[in-house]
Amino acid sequence: MYHELGGINDLARIASFSIQVIGQFGNTDDLQNLRSLCDDEELGREALDAIKKIEDRIRYRQ
């Protein structure tokens, strides 16, 4: 029923959202997994954006 009412029903959209959350709250432990997604056709751009956010946050703290 959730899917019928317009809930998230597409795995790519769920993955994209998850990567955005990792970019917002993740840390250096997440970078290797994000880098493994960079060449993915659907998720690569999100992964690169998430990496940039994490790296920018790390630089800011130093």
N, C-alpha and C. Protein backbone atom coordinates (compact mmCIF):
# COMPACT_ATOMS: atom_id res chain seq x y z
N MET A 1 0.82 -1.19 0.00
CA MET A 1 0.00 0.00 0.00
C MET A 1 0.87 1.26 0.00
N TYR A 2 1.96 1.26 0.74
CA TYR A 2 2.84 2.43 0.79
C TYR A 2 3.29 2.81 -0.61
N HIS A 3 3.67 1.81 -1.39
CA HIS A 3 4.14 2.08 -2.75
C HIS A 3 3.02 2.65 -3.62
N GLU A 4 1.82 2.18 -3.43
CA GLU A 4 0.69 2.65 -4.23
C GLU A 4 0.36 4.11 -3.94
N LEU A 5 0.71 4.57 -2.77
CA LEU A 5 0.39 5.95 -2.38
C LEU A 5 1.51 6.92 -2.73
N GLY A 6 2.48 6.47 -3.50
CA GLY A 6 3.53 7.37 -3.94
C GLY A 6 4.76 7.38 -3.05
N GLY A 7 4.91 6.37 -2.20
CA GLY A 7 6.10 6.28 -1.38
C GLY A 7 7.30 5.93 -2.24
N ILE A 8 8.44 5.94 -1.64
CA ILE A 8 9.66 5.62 -2.40
C ILE A 8 9.61 4.15 -2.79
N ASN A 9 9.53 3.92 -4.08
CA ASN A 9 9.44 2.54 -4.55
C ASN A 9 10.55 2.19 -5.53
N ASP A 10 11.47 3.05 -5.73
CA ASP A 10 12.54 2.85 -6.69
C ASP A 10 13.86 2.71 -5.93
N LEU A 11 14.52 1.58 -6.10
CA LEU A 11 15.76 1.35 -5.36
C LEU A 11 16.82 2.40 -5.66
N ALA A 12 16.88 2.89 -6.89
CA ALA A 12 17.86 3.91 -7.24
C ALA A 12 17.59 5.20 -6.46
N ARG A 13 16.33 5.55 -6.29
CA ARG A 13 15.99 6.75 -5.53
C ARG A 13 16.34 6.57 -4.05
N ILE A 14 16.11 5.39 -3.53
CA ILE A 14 16.46 5.11 -2.14
C ILE A 14 17.97 5.19 -1.96
N ALA A 15 18.72 4.59 -2.89
CA ALA A 15 20.18 4.63 -2.83
C ALA A 15 20.68 6.07 -2.94
N SER A 16 20.10 6.84 -3.84
CA SER A 16 20.49 8.24 -4.02
C SER A 16 20.26 9.03 -2.74
N PHE A 17 19.12 8.85 -2.13
CA PHE A 17 18.82 9.53 -0.87
C PHE A 17 19.81 9.11 0.21
N SER A 18 20.11 7.82 0.28
CA SER A 18 21.04 7.31 1.29
C SER A 18 22.42 7.92 1.11
N ILE A 19 22.87 8.05 -0.12
CA ILE A 19 24.18 8.65 -0.39
C ILE A 19 24.17 10.12 0.02
N GLN A 20 23.08 10.81 -0.21
CA GLN A 20 22.99 12.20 0.22
C GLN A 20 23.09 12.31 1.73
N VAL A 21 22.46 11.40 2.44
CA VAL A 21 22.53 11.40 3.91
C VAL A 21 23.96 11.12 4.37
N ILE A 22 24.63 10.18 3.71
CA ILE A 22 26.02 9.89 4.06
C ILE A 22 26.88 11.12 3.82
N GLY A 23 26.63 11.82 2.72
CA GLY A 23 27.38 13.05 2.45
C GLY A 23 27.18 14.09 3.53
N GLN A 24 25.99 14.16 4.06
CA GLN A 24 25.66 15.16 5.08
C GLN A 24 26.23 14.78 6.45
N PHE A 25 26.20 13.49 6.79
CA PHE A 25 26.55 13.08 8.15
C PHE A 25 27.72 12.11 8.23
N GLY A 26 28.21 11.65 7.09
CA GLY A 26 29.27 10.65 7.07
C GLY A 26 30.62 11.22 7.47
N ASN A 27 31.60 10.31 7.53
CA ASN A 27 32.96 10.71 7.87
C ASN A 27 33.95 9.95 6.98
N THR A 28 35.22 10.03 7.32
CA THR A 28 36.25 9.42 6.47
C THR A 28 36.06 7.92 6.31
N ASP A 29 35.42 7.27 7.24
CA ASP A 29 35.16 5.84 7.13
C ASP A 29 34.26 5.51 5.94
N ASP A 30 33.50 6.47 5.47
CA ASP A 30 32.56 6.25 4.37
C ASP A 30 33.16 6.52 2.99
N LEU A 31 34.33 7.15 2.95
CA LEU A 31 34.88 7.59 1.67
C LEU A 31 35.19 6.44 0.72
N GLN A 32 35.74 5.35 1.21
CA GLN A 32 36.09 4.23 0.33
C GLN A 32 34.85 3.65 -0.34
N ASN A 33 33.79 3.48 0.41
CA ASN A 33 32.55 2.95 -0.18
C ASN A 33 31.97 3.92 -1.20
N LEU A 34 32.01 5.21 -0.90
CA LEU A 34 31.51 6.21 -1.85
C LEU A 34 32.35 6.22 -3.12
N ARG A 35 33.66 6.11 -2.96
CA ARG A 35 34.54 6.10 -4.14
C ARG A 35 34.25 4.90 -5.04
N SER A 36 33.84 3.80 -4.45
CA SER A 36 33.53 2.62 -5.26
C SER A 36 32.28 2.84 -6.12
N LEU A 37 31.50 3.85 -5.81
CA LEU A 37 30.27 4.14 -6.57
C LEU A 37 30.47 5.23 -7.62
N CYS A 38 31.62 5.87 -7.65
CA CYS A 38 31.83 7.03 -8.52
C CYS A 38 31.60 6.73 -10.00
N ASP A 39 31.91 5.54 -10.45
CA ASP A 39 31.74 5.20 -11.86
C ASP A 39 30.36 4.65 -12.19
N ASP A 40 29.52 4.52 -11.19
CA ASP A 40 28.17 4.02 -11.42
C ASP A 40 27.36 5.04 -12.20
N GLU A 41 26.69 4.58 -13.22
CA GLU A 41 25.94 5.48 -14.10
C GLU A 41 24.84 6.25 -13.38
N GLU A 42 24.15 5.59 -12.46
CA GLU A 42 23.02 6.24 -11.78
C GLU A 42 23.43 6.97 -10.50
N LEU A 43 24.45 6.45 -9.82
CA LEU A 43 24.76 6.98 -8.49
C LEU A 43 26.09 7.73 -8.42
N GLY A 44 26.84 7.73 -9.50
CA GLY A 44 28.17 8.33 -9.49
C GLY A 44 28.19 9.79 -9.09
N ARG A 45 27.29 10.57 -9.66
CA ARG A 45 27.26 12.01 -9.34
C ARG A 45 26.93 12.24 -7.86
N GLU A 46 25.99 11.49 -7.34
CA GLU A 46 25.64 11.61 -5.91
C GLU A 46 26.83 11.23 -5.04
N ALA A 47 27.54 10.17 -5.44
CA ALA A 47 28.70 9.73 -4.67
C ALA A 47 29.78 10.80 -4.66
N LEU A 48 30.05 11.39 -5.82
CA LEU A 48 31.06 12.46 -5.89
C LEU A 48 30.66 13.66 -5.04
N ASP A 49 29.40 14.03 -5.08
CA ASP A 49 28.92 15.14 -4.25
C ASP A 49 29.09 14.83 -2.76
N ALA A 50 28.78 13.59 -2.38
CA ALA A 50 28.90 13.19 -0.98
C ALA A 50 30.36 13.21 -0.55
N ILE A 51 31.26 12.73 -1.41
CA ILE A 51 32.68 12.76 -1.10
C ILE A 51 33.15 14.20 -0.88
N LYS A 52 32.75 15.08 -1.76
CA LYS A 52 33.14 16.49 -1.64
C LYS A 52 32.64 17.09 -0.33
N LYS A 53 31.40 16.79 0.04
CA LYS A 53 30.87 17.33 1.29
C LYS A 53 31.66 16.83 2.50
N ILE A 54 31.97 15.53 2.50
CA ILE A 54 32.73 14.97 3.63
C ILE A 54 34.13 15.58 3.66
N GLU A 55 34.81 15.63 2.51
CA GLU A 55 36.16 16.17 2.47
C GLU A 55 36.18 17.64 2.86
N ASP A 56 35.20 18.41 2.42
CA ASP A 56 35.13 19.82 2.82
C ASP A 56 34.94 19.95 4.32
N ARG A 57 34.12 19.11 4.89
CA ARG A 57 33.86 19.15 6.33
C ARG A 57 35.13 18.78 7.10
N ILE A 58 35.87 17.79 6.60
CA ILE A 58 37.11 17.37 7.27
C ILE A 58 38.13 18.51 7.24
N ARG A 59 38.26 19.16 6.08
CA ARG A 59 39.22 20.27 5.96
C ARG A 59 38.84 21.42 6.88
N TYR A 60 37.56 21.68 7.01
CA TYR A 60 37.08 22.78 7.86
C TYR A 60 37.44 22.54 9.32
N ARG A 61 37.38 21.30 9.74
CA ARG A 61 37.65 20.97 11.15
C ARG A 61 39.14 21.03 11.49
N GLN A 62 40.00 20.90 10.49
CA GLN A 62 41.44 20.85 10.77
C GLN A 62 42.03 22.21 10.98
